[in-house]
């Protein structure tokens, strides 16, 4: 006996084709989040290590955290598409407003 999904219907190819882009986007943006946290951790630890070596506590740690945050935020801005859409829209917007053409 084959177990059925909780919705009571068998999955179709349409379900899997609509979920594939969502999974890809989720993986991409989750990876960007991990990249941001990694930048904070690496620069924070480097600042802490230099503080221990040079005796400037806590200034290089603070500088490392700010530098890691700035670089992580910069990489996020470069990775996310402008306007929040993956492709330019064809046709007028639903609200009737005029928008400049995509570049």
Protein backbone atom coordinates (compact mmCIF):
# COMPACT_ATOMS: atom_id res chain seq x y z
CA UNK A 1 0.00 0.00 0.00
CA UNK A 2 1.42 3.40 -1.00
CA UNK A 3 0.99 6.18 1.57
CA UNK A 4 -0.95 9.15 0.25
CA UNK A 5 -0.11 12.81 0.93
CA UNK A 6 -1.89 14.52 3.80
CA UNK A 7 -4.03 16.54 1.36
CA UNK A 8 -5.64 13.37 0.08
CA UNK A 9 -4.53 13.82 -3.52
CA UNK A 10 -1.56 12.57 -5.46
CA UNK A 11 1.17 15.11 -6.32
CA UNK A 12 1.15 16.27 -9.92
CA UNK A 13 3.93 17.47 -12.16
CA UNK A 14 2.45 20.99 -11.91
CA UNK A 15 3.02 21.00 -8.13
CA UNK A 16 6.66 20.05 -8.49
CA UNK A 17 7.25 22.55 -11.31
CA UNK A 18 5.88 25.44 -9.24
CA UNK A 19 7.84 24.44 -6.16
CA UNK A 20 11.21 24.16 -7.91
CA UNK A 21 11.75 27.94 -8.25
CA UNK A 22 10.68 28.41 -4.63
CA UNK A 23 13.20 25.84 -3.45
CA UNK A 24 15.92 27.41 -5.57
CA UNK A 25 15.16 30.90 -4.23
CA UNK A 26 14.96 29.64 -0.65
CA UNK A 27 18.36 28.00 -0.98
CA UNK A 28 19.86 31.10 -2.57
CA UNK A 29 18.58 33.53 0.06
CA UNK A 30 19.34 31.18 2.95
CA UNK A 31 22.89 30.99 1.61
CA UNK A 32 23.07 34.78 1.55
CA UNK A 33 21.99 34.85 5.19
CA UNK A 34 24.72 32.40 6.14
CA UNK A 35 27.21 34.47 4.16
CA UNK A 36 26.22 37.59 6.12
CA UNK A 37 26.62 35.81 9.46
CA UNK A 38 29.95 34.34 8.34
CA UNK A 39 31.27 37.81 7.44
CA UNK A 40 30.29 39.09 10.90
CA UNK A 41 31.90 36.10 12.61
CA UNK A 42 35.14 36.12 10.62
CA UNK A 43 35.79 39.85 10.99
CA UNK A 44 34.65 39.82 14.63
CA UNK A 45 36.99 36.96 15.48
CA UNK A 46 39.84 38.60 13.59
CA UNK A 47 39.27 41.81 15.56
CA UNK A 48 39.15 39.89 18.85
CA UNK A 49 42.36 38.03 17.99
CA UNK A 50 44.15 41.27 17.09
CA UNK A 51 42.87 42.85 20.32
CA UNK A 52 44.42 40.00 22.31
CA UNK A 53 47.75 40.40 20.47
CA UNK A 54 47.96 44.20 20.54
CA UNK A 55 46.19 44.95 23.83
CA UNK A 56 43.66 47.37 22.29
CA UNK A 57 40.56 45.70 23.73
CA UNK A 58 37.70 46.07 22.64
CA UNK A 59 38.27 48.50 19.76
CA UNK A 60 39.44 46.13 17.05
CA UNK A 61 36.63 43.71 17.92
CA UNK A 62 34.08 46.50 17.47
CA UNK A 63 35.76 47.63 14.26
CA UNK A 64 35.79 44.03 12.96
CA UNK A 65 32.09 43.56 13.67
CA UNK A 66 31.19 46.83 11.93
CA UNK A 67 33.44 46.03 8.97
CA UNK A 68 32.00 42.50 8.68
CA UNK A 69 28.46 43.87 8.85
CA UNK A 70 29.17 46.49 6.19
CA UNK A 71 30.79 43.99 3.83
CA UNK A 72 28.05 41.42 4.43
CA UNK A 73 25.35 44.02 3.76
CA UNK A 74 27.16 45.13 0.61
CA UNK A 75 27.27 41.56 -0.70
CA UNK A 76 23.54 41.20 0.05
CA UNK A 77 22.75 44.34 -1.92
CA UNK A 78 24.76 43.11 -4.89
CA UNK A 79 23.12 39.66 -4.86
CA UNK A 80 19.47 40.73 -4.58
CA UNK A 81 17.94 41.85 -7.90
CA UNK A 82 16.96 45.51 -8.23
CA UNK A 83 13.29 46.13 -7.61
CA UNK A 84 12.76 42.74 -6.02
CA UNK A 85 11.73 41.01 -9.25
CA UNK A 86 13.50 38.33 -11.22
CA UNK A 87 12.42 39.51 -14.65
CA UNK A 88 11.00 42.70 -16.12
CA UNK A 89 7.26 42.72 -16.44
CA UNK A 90 5.56 42.95 -19.78
CA UNK A 91 2.45 45.04 -19.84
CA UNK A 92 1.07 47.81 -17.66
CA UNK A 93 1.03 47.52 -13.86
CA UNK A 94 -2.21 46.40 -12.20
CA UNK A 95 -2.71 49.69 -10.35
CA UNK A 96 -2.55 51.78 -13.56
CA UNK A 97 0.49 53.76 -12.40
CA UNK A 98 3.17 54.68 -14.92
CA UNK A 99 6.60 53.29 -14.23
CA UNK A 100 9.87 53.83 -16.05
CA UNK A 101 10.91 51.09 -18.49
CA UNK A 102 13.34 48.43 -17.20
CA UNK A 103 17.03 49.01 -17.89
